[in-house]
Amino acid sequence: MKNGADRLVDVLTAWGVDHVYGLPGDSIDTTVDGIRRQSDKVKFIQVRHEEVGALAAAAEAKLTDKLAVCLSIGGPGAIHMLNGLYDAKMDHAPVLALLGQVESNLLNTGFFQEVNTPQLFEDVAVYNRSITSVDHLAETVDEAIRTAYEKNGVAVLTIPDDIPQQKLATAFKPTAGSFKLQKPVVPQDEVEEAVDLLNRAKKPVALFGTGIKHSGEIMQRFVETYKIPFIQTLPAKGLIPDDHLNSLGQVGKLGTKAAYQTMKSADLVLMVGTNYPYTAYLPKPGRAKSIQINLEPSHLNKRFPADIAIHGDAGEVVEAILNSGLEPTDGSFLANCQKHMDTWNSWVEEKRELKSLPLAPEVLFDQIYKTAPKDAVYAIDVGTATSWSARYLPVGPKQQYTISSWLGTMGCALPAAIAASQVYPDRQVISINGDGAFAMVMEDFATAAKYKMPLINIVLNNRKLAFIQYEQQSAGQLNYAIDLEDMDYAKFAEAAGGIGYTVTNKQEFDMALKKAYKVKDRPVLINAYVADDAPLPGQIVADEAKGYTKFGTQYLSKKHRIPKLPPIKDIIRHFF
């Protein structure tokens, strides 16, 4: 007779789950024991920190659109998982978190490690239950998974450790086989209204988000047929190849000047599958019309007023627009935007040839771009790694790019690389992180070594929280508490069971990268000493200019010298 833990694992396998990230421990051990008994079906990936397990699950769900699972003991282990689960929540990724708990007869007694996890996880979860009986354990796990898929979010189950070991005579049949997400019917009347507005526009631009993930080819056909420039949000980077002739890159602090100029001059913005938050980079309300298409109705009209708001699947709605009398523009606005983008690209190309020491990040990213396999997976951390990748790491049609986009948590790249290596064992995974971000999760480089994951982890070592340095400056603040003590990350990699290289210039980096691509049985870490520069905003806006001026004035007053500045040529290009 099977017990509750066995039935739980049966439900997981019915839904296609074949691995779990986590750490065992007293209040989750009966569940872990059930996984052990079916280890031929479900692999237990032991991480060194519960936060990494949750971040890995979040990244896996974002990469695959499939439910990922993490687990931990209750109390401190569960608390550690919260950051990764918030990443899943905010990026709308389906994740199941299994939390241990003290045995049922000890609940509400203030026992060792007893934490009220249902209350603690209420905000992060779309489904949050405590198991009180083995009779409903399998059924509740099934409902949790179904809800995580339906609501694109985190399902949390708190399981007292005595319950999974109880015997259960009856079997539960999971609903995985009959489950299917329903899409709204395309509203043809609204499609026709959208076509009319598009046909009357003179300066239209499209802003694509992650909602086009499964319809990139349709969007590409749309921008080519309609002769329209497009911008992709950073989380959507590469869903249409970055080198497409109509692409203007991203818009915002990390975006291009061409994208900023286009947004400010457009008379129509088509927003597809996005909840873009930085409204200062959109046209002023009333200056441009807006058509919004989103599968999540709460995102329509949320940040920018919509003249036409269509609740529906991005691909199906845009396909209907293409088939409903859409007339191409005359191409003049697109041509003008492409000229701006050509100018921007010429500036970018200049930076790719920098000869500076330490190694220029622009050169490092360019070398990754030129050498990475056509199906590489990029896991990018938060900070200057994000900034440089946005501009100097074009993503191709078969590549993938993942970040912590809405939570923006440092330390996300290595866990994402571990997840990508698990689900795509035949693809090259490259994680890029600043030294500050990597240090937050570096213990789990040993996890990659344990499971012989041939990922390449690049540490941008500038001995500084460089992105925060520029945040402080742009806010008019003097830099404080941003310097980091140096560490030999290459030696650490060797000690953890991987391979480590330290590089200081382009030649050394090129050689280390070539060697790294050949390694197939362990992770490689490249400790790259880079300049602590951060890219200027695509367009320096008035508030940023005021902030930099205030910073410079304070610096001069306190230090009696002018602060280090970007080249005057760059300042002029990005401001005027």
Protein backbone atom coordinates (compact mmCIF):
# COMPACT_ATOMS: atom_id res chain seq x y z
CA MET A 1 0.00 0.00 0.00
CA LYS A 2 1.37 3.40 -0.98
CA ASN A 3 1.67 6.25 1.45
CA GLY A 4 0.94 9.95 0.93
CA ALA A 5 4.45 10.77 -0.30
CA ASP A 6 4.18 8.10 -2.99
CA ARG A 7 0.87 9.51 -4.17
CA LEU A 8 2.35 13.02 -4.21
CA VAL A 9 5.15 11.86 -6.49
CA ASP A 10 2.62 10.07 -8.70
CA VAL A 11 0.84 13.39 -9.26
CA LEU A 12 4.10 15.17 -10.06
CA THR A 13 5.07 12.60 -12.67
CA ALA A 14 1.59 12.69 -14.22
CA TRP A 15 2.13 16.41 -14.83
CA GLY A 16 5.52 15.78 -16.45
CA VAL A 17 7.71 16.77 -13.51
CA ASP A 18 10.95 14.78 -13.63
CA HIS A 19 13.14 16.73 -11.21
CA VAL A 20 12.89 18.84 -8.07
CA TYR A 21 15.27 21.46 -6.65
CA GLY A 22 15.78 21.53 -2.91
CA LEU A 23 17.44 20.51 0.33
CA PRO A 24 16.27 17.70 2.60
CA GLY A 25 15.65 18.22 6.31
CA ASP A 26 13.61 17.01 9.22
CA SER A 27 10.24 18.59 8.41
CA ILE A 28 10.29 17.65 4.69
CA ASP A 29 12.09 14.31 4.91
CA THR A 30 9.04 12.06 4.50
CA THR A 31 8.28 13.85 1.21
CA VAL A 32 11.91 13.55 0.14
CA ASP A 33 11.80 9.86 1.01
CA GLY A 34 8.92 9.45 -1.43
CA ILE A 35 11.05 11.05 -4.14
CA ARG A 36 13.91 8.68 -3.24
CA ARG A 37 11.67 5.68 -3.77
CA GLN A 38 10.84 6.91 -7.28
CA SER A 39 14.22 8.42 -8.10
CA ASP A 40 14.09 6.67 -11.48
CA LYS A 41 11.22 9.03 -12.34
CA VAL A 42 12.04 12.19 -10.38
CA LYS A 43 15.59 13.44 -9.93
CA PHE A 44 16.37 15.32 -6.73
CA ILE A 45 18.74 18.21 -7.45
CA GLN A 46 20.38 19.11 -4.18
CA VAL A 47 21.23 22.80 -3.98
CA ARG A 48 23.40 24.46 -1.34
CA HIS A 49 20.90 27.19 -0.49
CA GLU A 50 17.12 27.12 -0.70
CA GLU A 51 16.99 30.51 -2.41
CA VAL A 52 18.95 29.03 -5.32
CA GLY A 53 16.47 26.17 -5.59
CA ALA A 54 13.57 28.61 -5.84
CA LEU A 55 15.40 30.88 -8.30
CA ALA A 56 16.29 27.85 -10.43
CA ALA A 57 12.65 26.74 -10.46
CA ALA A 58 11.53 30.25 -11.43
CA ALA A 59 14.07 30.43 -14.26
CA GLU A 60 13.16 26.98 -15.54
CA ALA A 61 9.49 27.89 -15.68
CA LYS A 62 10.32 31.10 -17.56
CA LEU A 63 12.49 29.23 -20.06
CA THR A 64 10.16 26.30 -20.69
CA ASP A 65 6.63 27.54 -19.80
CA LYS A 66 6.33 24.32 -17.80
CA LEU A 67 5.79 23.96 -14.09
CA ALA A 68 8.97 23.69 -12.02
CA VAL A 69 9.16 22.39 -8.46
CA CYS A 70 11.25 23.32 -5.43
CA LEU A 71 11.08 22.19 -1.83
CA SER A 72 12.54 22.90 1.59
CA ILE A 73 12.04 22.37 5.26
CA GLY A 74 9.70 24.72 7.05
CA GLY A 75 10.96 27.64 9.08
CA PRO A 76 14.34 28.93 7.90
CA GLY A 77 14.43 26.91 4.68
CA ALA A 78 11.01 28.14 3.63
CA ILE A 79 11.98 31.73 4.43
CA HIS A 80 15.09 31.38 2.27
CA MET A 81 12.89 30.40 -0.69
CA LEU A 82 10.78 33.55 -0.66
CA ASN A 83 13.08 35.64 -2.86
CA GLY A 84 13.10 33.08 -5.66
CA LEU A 85 9.36 32.57 -5.40
CA TYR A 86 8.77 36.32 -5.69
CA ASP A 87 10.84 36.23 -8.86
CA ALA A 88 8.44 33.59 -10.20
CA LYS A 89 5.41 35.57 -9.07
CA MET A 90 6.49 38.84 -10.62
CA ASP A 91 7.59 37.25 -13.91
CA HIS A 92 4.40 35.13 -14.06
CA ALA A 93 6.09 31.73 -14.00
CA PRO A 94 4.30 28.53 -12.84
CA VAL A 95 6.15 27.12 -9.84
CA LEU A 96 5.13 24.64 -7.13
CA ALA A 97 6.81 25.05 -3.72
CA LEU A 98 6.56 22.18 -1.25
CA LEU A 99 7.24 23.34 2.31
CA GLY A 100 7.82 21.10 5.29
CA GLN A 101 6.21 21.74 8.65
CA VAL A 102 6.36 20.36 12.17
CA GLU A 103 4.20 17.31 12.81
CA SER A 104 0.47 17.89 13.14
CA ASN A 105 0.29 17.30 16.90
CA LEU A 106 2.92 20.01 17.45
CA LEU A 107 1.28 22.73 15.38
CA ASN A 108 0.54 25.99 17.21
CA THR A 109 2.75 25.08 20.15
CA GLY A 110 5.68 27.32 19.22
CA PHE A 111 7.81 24.25 18.48
CA PHE A 112 11.35 24.36 17.11
CA GLN A 113 11.36 25.93 13.59
CA GLU A 114 7.59 26.29 13.56
CA VAL A 115 6.69 29.24 11.32
CA ASN A 116 3.24 30.21 10.09
CA THR A 117 4.13 29.61 6.45
CA PRO A 118 0.54 29.89 5.11
CA GLN A 119 0.45 33.46 6.39
CA LEU A 120 4.03 34.18 5.34
CA PHE A 121 3.47 33.00 1.75
CA GLU A 122 0.01 34.49 1.25
CA ASP A 123 1.20 37.41 -0.87
CA VAL A 124 3.54 35.41 -3.13
CA ALA A 125 1.12 32.59 -3.91
CA VAL A 126 -1.83 32.20 -6.28
CA TYR A 127 -2.62 28.97 -4.42
CA ASN A 128 -1.71 28.54 -0.75
CA ARG A 129 -2.85 25.55 1.29
CA SER A 130 -1.89 23.59 4.38
CA ILE A 131 -2.31 19.83 4.23
CA THR A 132 -4.35 18.51 7.16
CA SER A 133 -5.09 14.96 6.02
CA VAL A 134 -3.39 12.39 3.85
CA ASP A 135 -6.76 11.65 2.24
CA HIS A 136 -6.64 14.89 0.24
CA LEU A 137 -2.88 15.25 -0.27
CA ALA A 138 -2.70 14.03 -3.88
CA GLU A 139 -5.86 15.89 -4.85
CA THR A 140 -4.52 19.14 -3.38
CA VAL A 141 -1.18 18.77 -5.16
CA ASP A 142 -3.06 18.28 -8.42
CA GLU A 143 -5.20 21.37 -7.82
CA ALA A 144 -2.11 23.39 -6.88
CA ILE A 145 -0.38 22.52 -10.16
CA ARG A 146 -3.49 23.26 -12.18
CA THR A 147 -3.86 26.67 -10.50
CA ALA A 148 -0.19 27.53 -11.04
CA TYR A 149 -0.69 26.94 -14.76
CA GLU A 150 -4.04 28.75 -14.94
CA LYS A 151 -2.78 31.84 -13.11
CA ASN A 152 0.88 31.74 -14.17
CA GLY A 153 2.09 31.94 -10.63
CA VAL A 154 3.33 30.24 -7.50
CA ALA A 155 1.46 27.45 -5.72
CA VAL A 156 2.57 26.75 -2.14
CA LEU A 157 1.77 23.66 -0.08
CA THR A 158 2.69 23.41 3.59
CA ILE A 159 2.92 19.74 4.58
CA PRO A 160 3.31 18.60 8.21
CA ASP A 161 5.94 15.88 8.12
CA ASP A 162 3.78 13.14 9.65
CA ILE A 163 1.16 13.26 6.90
CA PRO A 164 3.10 12.01 3.84
CA GLN A 165 4.12 8.81 5.63
CA GLN A 166 0.53 7.81 6.37
CA LYS A 167 -0.87 4.97 4.26
CA LEU A 168 -3.53 5.61 1.67
CA ALA A 169 -5.60 2.79 0.21
CA THR A 170 -7.32 4.70 -2.58
CA ALA A 171 -5.53 6.11 -5.62
CA PHE A 172 -6.23 9.54 -7.05
CA LYS A 173 -6.29 10.10 -10.80
CA PRO A 174 -4.49 13.36 -11.69
CA THR A 175 -6.21 15.73 -14.10
CA ALA A 176 -3.09 16.40 -16.17
CA GLY A 177 -4.33 14.40 -19.15
CA SER A 178 -7.50 16.44 -19.57
CA PHE A 179 -6.08 19.84 -18.64
CA LYS A 180 -6.03 22.54 -21.30
CA LEU A 181 -5.73 26.29 -20.96
CA GLN A 182 -8.54 28.15 -22.66
CA LYS A 183 -7.91 31.24 -24.78
CA PRO A 184 -10.49 33.97 -25.34
CA VAL A 185 -12.18 34.16 -28.72
CA VAL A 186 -10.68 36.83 -30.96
CA PRO A 187 -13.17 39.75 -31.01
CA GLN A 188 -13.48 40.54 -34.72
CA ASP A 189 -15.21 43.89 -34.19
CA GLU A 190 -12.29 45.13 -32.09
CA VAL A 191 -9.84 43.74 -34.62
CA GLU A 192 -11.51 45.77 -37.35
CA GLU A 193 -11.36 48.90 -35.18
CA ALA A 194 -7.67 48.27 -34.65
CA VAL A 195 -7.07 47.83 -38.38
CA ASP A 196 -8.85 51.14 -39.06
CA LEU A 197 -6.64 52.92 -36.53
CA LEU A 198 -3.49 51.28 -37.90
CA ASN A 199 -4.41 52.23 -41.48
CA ARG A 200 -4.79 55.89 -40.47
CA ALA A 201 -1.52 56.10 -38.52
CA LYS A 202 1.45 57.95 -40.04
CA LYS A 203 4.07 57.17 -37.41
CA PRO A 204 3.22 53.81 -35.80
CA VAL A 205 5.58 51.79 -33.61
CA ALA A 206 5.12 48.38 -31.96
CA LEU A 207 6.20 47.54 -28.42
CA PHE A 208 6.43 43.78 -27.89
CA GLY A 209 6.64 42.00 -24.54
CA THR A 210 6.93 38.40 -23.42
CA GLY A 211 3.33 37.81 -24.46
CA ILE A 212 4.62 37.23 -28.01
CA LYS A 213 6.84 34.37 -26.85
CA HIS A 214 5.08 31.76 -28.99
CA SER A 215 4.20 34.02 -31.89
CA GLY A 216 7.49 35.65 -32.84
CA GLU A 217 7.15 34.59 -36.48
CA ILE A 218 3.69 36.16 -36.72
CA MET A 219 4.99 39.41 -35.20
CA GLN A 220 7.91 39.41 -37.60
CA ARG A 221 5.55 38.96 -40.53
CA PHE A 222 3.39 41.78 -39.16
CA VAL A 223 6.20 44.36 -38.87
CA GLU A 224 7.50 43.45 -42.32
CA THR A 225 4.08 43.55 -43.97
CA TYR A 226 2.96 46.74 -42.26
CA LYS A 227 6.42 48.38 -42.59
CA ILE A 228 6.64 49.40 -38.97
CA PRO A 229 9.55 49.77 -36.52
CA PHE A 230 9.39 47.72 -33.33
CA ILE A 231 10.86 47.74 -29.84
CA GLN A 232 11.08 44.74 -27.53
CA THR A 233 11.03 44.94 -23.75
CA LEU A 234 14.18 43.53 -22.18
CA PRO A 235 12.49 40.31 -20.96
CA ALA A 236 11.34 39.78 -24.56
CA LYS A 237 14.81 40.32 -26.01
CA GLY A 238 15.42 38.01 -28.94
CA LEU A 239 11.84 36.80 -29.39
CA ILE A 240 12.23 38.51 -32.73
CA PRO A 241 15.96 38.39 -33.59
CA ASP A 242 17.78 41.49 -32.38
CA ASP A 243 19.38 42.03 -35.77
CA HIS A 244 16.06 42.40 -37.59
CA LEU A 245 16.12 45.47 -39.85
CA ASN A 246 13.00 46.92 -38.21
CA SER A 247 14.31 46.50 -34.67
CA LEU A 248 15.12 49.51 -32.49
CA GLY A 249 16.33 47.45 -29.55
CA GLN A 250 14.91 48.29 -26.12
CA VAL A 251 13.54 51.56 -24.73
CA GLY A 252 14.39 53.01 -21.32
CA LYS A 253 17.56 53.56 -19.32
CA LEU A 254 19.09 50.43 -20.86
CA GLY A 255 17.64 51.07 -24.29
CA THR A 256 18.72 52.83 -27.45
CA LYS A 257 18.45 56.49 -28.34
CA ALA A 258 16.66 55.48 -31.55
CA ALA A 259 13.93 53.76 -29.54
CA TYR A 260 13.53 56.83 -27.31
CA GLN A 261 13.29 59.18 -30.29
CA THR A 262 10.76 56.92 -32.02
CA MET A 263 8.51 56.69 -28.97
CA LYS A 264 8.49 60.45 -28.53
CA SER A 265 7.56 61.09 -32.18
CA ALA A 266 5.07 58.23 -32.74
CA ASP A 267 1.38 58.89 -33.33
CA LEU A 268 0.36 55.29 -32.57
CA VAL A 269 1.83 52.71 -30.18
CA LEU A 270 0.79 49.09 -30.62
CA MET A 271 1.51 47.37 -27.29
CA VAL A 272 1.43 43.59 -27.60
CA GLY A 273 1.87 41.21 -24.67
CA THR A 274 3.50 43.77 -22.41
CA ASN A 275 2.91 45.51 -19.10
CA TYR A 276 5.80 47.93 -19.68
CA PRO A 277 6.17 49.97 -16.46
CA TYR A 278 8.40 52.91 -17.45
CA THR A 279 5.74 55.28 -18.71
CA ALA A 280 8.19 58.21 -18.90
CA TYR A 281 9.62 56.52 -22.00
CA LEU A 282 6.25 56.24 -23.71
CA PRO A 283 4.56 59.09 -25.60
CA LYS A 284 2.76 61.60 -23.43
CA PRO A 285 -0.89 60.57 -23.03
CA GLY A 286 -2.97 62.29 -25.66
CA ARG A 287 -0.10 62.66 -28.09
CA ALA A 288 -0.35 59.17 -29.53
CA LYS A 289 -3.13 56.64 -29.98
CA SER A 290 -2.70 53.23 -28.42
CA ILE A 291 -3.82 49.73 -29.33
CA GLN A 292 -3.18 47.17 -26.60
CA ILE A 293 -3.35 43.39 -26.95
CA ASN A 294 -2.87 41.18 -23.91
CA LEU A 295 -3.91 37.75 -22.68
CA GLU A 296 -3.94 39.14 -19.13
CA PRO A 297 -6.91 41.55 -19.01
CA SER A 298 -5.63 43.39 -15.92
CA HIS A 299 -2.69 44.65 -17.98
CA LEU A 300 -4.90 46.44 -20.48
CA ASN A 301 -5.19 50.18 -19.83
CA LYS A 302 -3.07 49.73 -16.71
CA ARG A 303 -0.18 52.10 -17.38
CA PHE A 304 -1.05 53.86 -20.62
CA PRO A 305 -4.52 54.79 -21.87
CA ALA A 306 -5.75 52.47 -24.63
CA ASP A 307 -7.93 53.65 -27.48
CA ILE A 308 -8.55 50.00 -28.32
CA ALA A 309 -7.93 47.25 -25.74
CA ILE A 310 -8.14 43.66 -26.98
CA HIS A 311 -8.18 40.76 -24.54
CA GLY A 312 -6.74 37.83 -26.41
CA ASP A 313 -3.77 35.73 -27.45
CA ALA A 314 -1.16 37.95 -29.12
CA GLY A 315 -0.53 35.65 -32.06
CA GLU A 316 -4.19 34.98 -32.81
CA VAL A 317 -5.16 38.66 -32.61
CA VAL A 318 -2.28 39.90 -34.77
CA GLU A 319 -2.96 37.13 -37.29
CA ALA A 320 -6.54 38.36 -37.47
CA ILE A 321 -5.32 41.93 -37.98
CA LEU A 322 -3.14 40.78 -40.87
CA ASN A 323 -6.16 39.10 -42.45
CA SER A 324 -8.58 41.99 -41.99
CA GLY A 325 -7.58 44.59 -44.55
CA LEU A 326 -4.40 45.95 -43.01
CA GLU A 327 -2.68 48.38 -45.38
CA PRO A 328 1.10 48.86 -45.27
CA THR A 329 2.45 52.28 -44.34
CA ASP A 330 4.44 54.17 -46.96
CA GLY A 331 7.59 53.16 -45.07
CA SER A 332 8.87 56.72 -44.56
CA PHE A 333 8.63 56.66 -40.76
CA LEU A 334 10.30 53.24 -40.65
CA ALA A 335 13.10 54.51 -42.91
CA ASN A 336 13.68 57.52 -40.66
CA CYS A 337 13.80 55.29 -37.57
CA GLN A 338 16.24 52.95 -39.31
CA LYS A 339 18.55 55.92 -39.99
CA HIS A 340 18.54 56.76 -36.28
CA MET A 341 19.24 53.10 -35.50
CA ASP A 342 22.09 53.01 -38.02
CA THR A 343 23.67 55.95 -36.20
CA TRP A 344 23.21 54.19 -32.87
CA ASN A 345 24.73 50.98 -34.23
CA SER A 346 27.75 52.88 -35.50
CA TRP A 347 28.35 54.15 -31.95
CA VAL A 348 28.00 50.59 -30.62
CA GLU A 349 30.49 49.29 -33.17
CA GLU A 350 33.07 51.84 -32.02
CA LYS A 351 32.79 50.52 -28.47
CA ARG A 352 33.31 46.93 -29.61
CA GLU A 353 36.83 47.88 -30.68
CA LEU A 354 37.99 49.49 -27.42
CA LYS A 355 41.58 48.62 -26.44
CA SER A 356 41.40 49.74 -22.82
CA LEU A 357 42.75 47.99 -19.76
CA PRO A 358 41.16 46.55 -17.72
CA LEU A 359 39.07 44.78 -20.31
CA ALA A 360 36.15 46.84 -21.63
CA PRO A 361 32.81 45.07 -20.97
CA GLU A 362 31.70 46.01 -24.49
CA VAL A 363 34.57 43.97 -25.92
CA LEU A 364 33.85 41.02 -23.62
CA PHE A 365 30.18 40.86 -24.60
CA ASP A 366 31.04 41.24 -28.26
CA GLN A 367 33.32 38.23 -28.08
CA ILE A 368 30.58 36.17 -26.43
CA TYR A 369 28.18 37.23 -29.18
CA LYS A 370 30.63 36.26 -31.92
CA THR A 371 31.50 32.84 -30.50
CA ALA A 372 28.38 31.53 -28.72
CA PRO A 373 26.56 28.61 -30.36
CA LYS A 374 23.46 29.46 -32.37
CA ASP A 375 21.26 27.79 -29.73
CA ALA A 376 23.00 29.14 -26.63
CA VAL A 377 21.04 29.99 -23.49
CA TYR A 378 22.04 33.25 -21.78
CA ALA A 379 21.35 33.68 -18.05
CA ILE A 380 21.96 37.31 -17.19
CA ASP A 381 22.24 38.75 -13.70
CA VAL A 382 20.99 42.09 -12.42
CA GLY A 383 23.28 45.11 -12.59
CA THR A 384 25.77 46.12 -15.26
CA ALA A 385 25.56 42.58 -16.68
CA THR A 386 22.00 43.46 -17.67
CA SER A 387 23.04 46.84 -19.07
CA TRP A 388 25.85 45.52 -21.24
CA SER A 389 23.85 42.51 -22.46
CA ALA A 390 20.98 44.74 -23.56
CA ARG A 391 23.23 46.57 -26.02
CA TYR A 392 26.17 44.31 -26.80
CA LEU A 393 24.70 40.81 -26.80
CA PRO A 394 22.29 40.41 -29.73
CA VAL A 395 20.11 37.32 -29.30
CA GLY A 396 19.46 35.08 -32.28
CA PRO A 397 16.29 33.20 -33.29
CA LYS A 398 17.28 29.89 -31.68
CA GLN A 399 18.90 31.37 -28.57
CA GLN A 400 17.22 32.15 -25.25
CA TYR A 401 17.76 35.01 -22.83
CA THR A 402 16.54 35.03 -19.24
CA ILE A 403 16.71 37.64 -16.50
CA SER A 404 14.92 38.55 -13.29
CA SER A 405 12.88 41.21 -15.02
CA TRP A 406 10.33 42.49 -12.51
CA LEU A 407 11.83 41.60 -9.13
CA GLY A 408 15.31 42.43 -10.40
CA THR A 409 17.02 40.27 -7.82
CA MET A 410 20.78 40.03 -7.81
CA GLY A 411 22.11 36.49 -7.82
CA CYS A 412 19.65 35.16 -10.40
CA ALA A 413 22.07 34.15 -13.18
CA LEU A 414 23.81 31.12 -11.69
CA PRO A 415 20.54 29.48 -10.53
CA ALA A 416 19.07 30.12 -13.98
CA ALA A 417 22.14 28.56 -15.58
CA ILE A 418 21.76 25.48 -13.38
CA ALA A 419 18.12 25.19 -14.44
CA ALA A 420 18.95 25.69 -18.12
CA SER A 421 21.68 23.04 -17.93
CA GLN A 422 19.19 20.62 -16.41
CA VAL A 423 16.45 21.09 -19.01
CA TYR A 424 18.71 21.69 -22.03
CA PRO A 425 21.67 19.35 -21.48
CA ASP A 426 22.75 19.53 -25.13
CA ARG A 427 22.86 23.33 -25.33
CA GLN A 428 25.62 25.67 -24.22
CA VAL A 429 24.54 27.70 -21.19
CA ILE A 430 26.35 30.95 -20.43
CA SER A 431 25.69 32.90 -17.24
CA ILE A 432 27.04 36.43 -16.85
CA ASN A 433 27.09 38.14 -13.49
CA GLY A 434 28.77 40.98 -11.69
CA ASP A 435 31.07 40.13 -8.81
CA GLY A 436 28.53 41.54 -6.34
CA ALA A 437 25.68 39.42 -7.69
CA PHE A 438 27.72 36.23 -8.06
CA ALA A 439 28.97 36.43 -4.48
CA MET A 440 25.39 36.16 -3.24
CA VAL A 441 24.91 32.63 -4.64
CA MET A 442 28.41 31.43 -5.46
CA GLU A 443 28.18 28.42 -3.15
CA ASP A 444 25.96 26.76 -5.73
CA PHE A 445 28.69 26.71 -8.33
CA ALA A 446 29.47 23.51 -6.43
CA THR A 447 25.98 22.27 -7.38
CA ALA A 448 26.83 22.70 -11.05
CA ALA A 449 30.07 20.80 -10.42
CA LYS A 450 28.30 18.00 -8.55
CA TYR A 451 25.93 17.36 -11.43
CA LYS A 452 28.64 17.83 -14.07
CA MET A 453 26.88 20.74 -15.75
CA PRO A 454 29.16 22.22 -18.45
CA LEU A 455 27.88 25.76 -18.03
CA ILE A 456 30.16 28.77 -18.48
CA ASN A 457 29.89 31.33 -15.70
CA ILE A 458 31.48 34.70 -16.41
CA VAL A 459 32.13 37.04 -13.48
CA LEU A 460 32.48 40.72 -14.40
CA ASN A 461 34.99 41.59 -11.70
CA ASN A 462 35.28 45.33 -11.24
CA ARG A 463 35.49 45.13 -7.44
CA LYS A 464 32.52 47.40 -7.21
CA LEU A 465 28.75 47.55 -7.23
CA ALA A 466 29.05 49.42 -10.50
CA PHE A 467 25.39 49.75 -11.37
CA ILE A 468 24.65 51.17 -7.93
CA GLN A 469 27.56 53.56 -8.41
CA TYR A 470 25.80 55.08 -11.39
CA GLU A 471 22.39 54.95 -9.72
CA GLN A 472 23.79 57.08 -6.91
CA GLN A 473 25.42 59.50 -9.31
CA SER A 474 22.32 59.94 -11.48
CA ALA A 475 20.35 60.69 -8.30
CA GLY A 476 22.87 63.39 -7.38
CA GLN A 477 24.37 61.41 -4.51
CA LEU A 478 28.01 60.87 -3.65
CA ASN A 479 29.10 57.25 -3.99
CA TYR A 480 29.05 55.31 -0.75
CA ALA A 481 29.40 51.64 0.31
CA ILE A 482 29.89 50.38 -3.25
CA ASP A 483 33.49 49.10 -3.19
CA LEU A 484 33.99 45.34 -2.91
CA GLU A 485 36.97 43.43 -1.62
CA ASP A 486 38.58 41.45 -4.40
CA MET A 487 38.32 37.68 -4.46
CA ASP A 488 40.03 35.06 -6.61
CA TYR A 489 36.92 33.56 -8.14
CA ALA A 490 38.99 31.29 -10.39
CA LYS A 491 40.58 29.61 -7.36
CA PHE A 492 37.14 29.28 -5.82
CA ALA A 493 35.89 27.54 -8.97
CA GLU A 494 38.72 25.03 -8.77
CA ALA A 495 38.02 24.40 -5.08
CA ALA A 496 34.34 23.82 -5.86
CA GLY A 497 35.14 21.15 -8.46
CA GLY A 498 35.03 23.23 -11.63
CA ILE A 499 37.60 24.96 -13.82
CA GLY A 500 38.65 28.55 -13.23
CA TYR A 501 40.41 31.11 -15.43
CA THR A 502 41.40 34.67 -14.59
CA VAL A 503 41.65 37.15 -17.47
CA THR A 504 42.57 40.82 -17.72
CA ASN A 505 42.54 41.57 -21.45
CA LYS A 506 40.85 40.57 -24.70
CA GLN A 507 43.44 38.00 -25.72
CA GLU A 508 43.25 36.19 -22.39
CA PHE A 509 39.46 36.26 -22.44
CA ASP A 510 39.31 34.91 -26.00
CA MET A 511 41.60 32.04 -25.06
CA ALA A 512 39.68 31.21 -21.87
CA LEU A 513 36.37 31.24 -23.73
CA LYS A 514 37.69 28.89 -26.41
CA LYS A 515 38.84 26.47 -23.74
CA ALA A 516 35.54 26.75 -21.89
CA TYR A 517 33.50 25.76 -24.94
CA LYS A 518 35.42 22.48 -25.11
CA VAL A 519 34.65 21.40 -21.52
CA LYS A 520 31.77 18.92 -21.34
CA ASP A 521 31.92 17.43 -17.84
CA ARG A 522 32.06 20.34 -15.39
CA PRO A 523 31.34 24.06 -15.08
CA VAL A 524 33.88 26.72 -16.04
CA LEU A 525 34.22 30.09 -14.34
CA ILE A 526 35.98 32.98 -16.06
CA ASN A 527 37.02 35.66 -13.59
CA ALA A 528 37.20 38.66 -15.92
CA TYR A 529 38.69 41.88 -14.58
CA VAL A 530 36.75 44.61 -16.37
CA ALA A 531 36.52 48.37 -16.30
CA ASP A 532 33.91 49.66 -13.85
CA ASP A 533 32.16 51.76 -16.48
CA ALA A 534 28.41 51.52 -16.92
CA PRO A 535 26.69 52.48 -20.16
CA LEU A 536 25.04 55.87 -20.29
CA PRO A 537 21.26 55.89 -20.71
CA GLY A 538 20.29 55.71 -24.38
CA GLN A 539 18.90 59.22 -24.00
CA ILE A 540 19.95 61.23 -20.96
CA VAL A 541 16.75 62.91 -19.79
CA ALA A 542 16.51 66.16 -17.84
CA ASP A 543 16.21 64.60 -14.37
CA GLU A 544 19.28 62.44 -14.97
CA ALA A 545 21.25 65.44 -16.22
CA LYS A 546 20.31 67.37 -13.08
CA GLY A 547 21.34 64.41 -10.93
CA TYR A 548 24.73 64.03 -12.61
CA THR A 549 25.30 67.79 -12.28
CA LYS A 550 24.45 67.69 -8.56
CA PHE A 551 26.78 64.72 -8.06
CA GLY A 552 29.62 66.49 -9.88
CA THR A 553 29.17 69.66 -7.86
CA GLN A 554 29.22 67.78 -4.55
CA TYR A 555 32.22 65.71 -5.65
CA LEU A 556 34.17 68.82 -6.64
CA SER A 557 33.32 70.51 -3.36
CA LYS A 558 34.34 67.52 -1.25
CA LYS A 559 37.29 66.09 -3.23
CA HIS A 560 38.54 69.34 -4.83
CA ARG A 561 38.80 67.65 -8.20
CA ILE A 562 36.52 66.80 -11.11
CA PRO A 563 35.07 63.27 -10.96
CA LYS A 564 35.89 60.71 -13.60
CA LEU A 565 33.51 61.26 -16.49
CA PRO A 566 32.56 59.32 -19.60
CA PRO A 567 34.12 60.68 -22.78
CA ILE A 568 32.63 64.07 -23.67
CA LYS A 569 31.76 62.66 -27.09
CA ASP A 570 29.55 60.04 -25.46
CA ILE A 571 27.84 62.58 -23.20
CA ILE A 572 27.02 64.79 -26.19
CA ARG A 573 25.72 61.83 -28.20
CA HIS A 574 23.43 60.62 -25.45
CA PHE A 575 22.16 64.01 -24.29
CA PHE A 576 21.55 66.10 -27.41
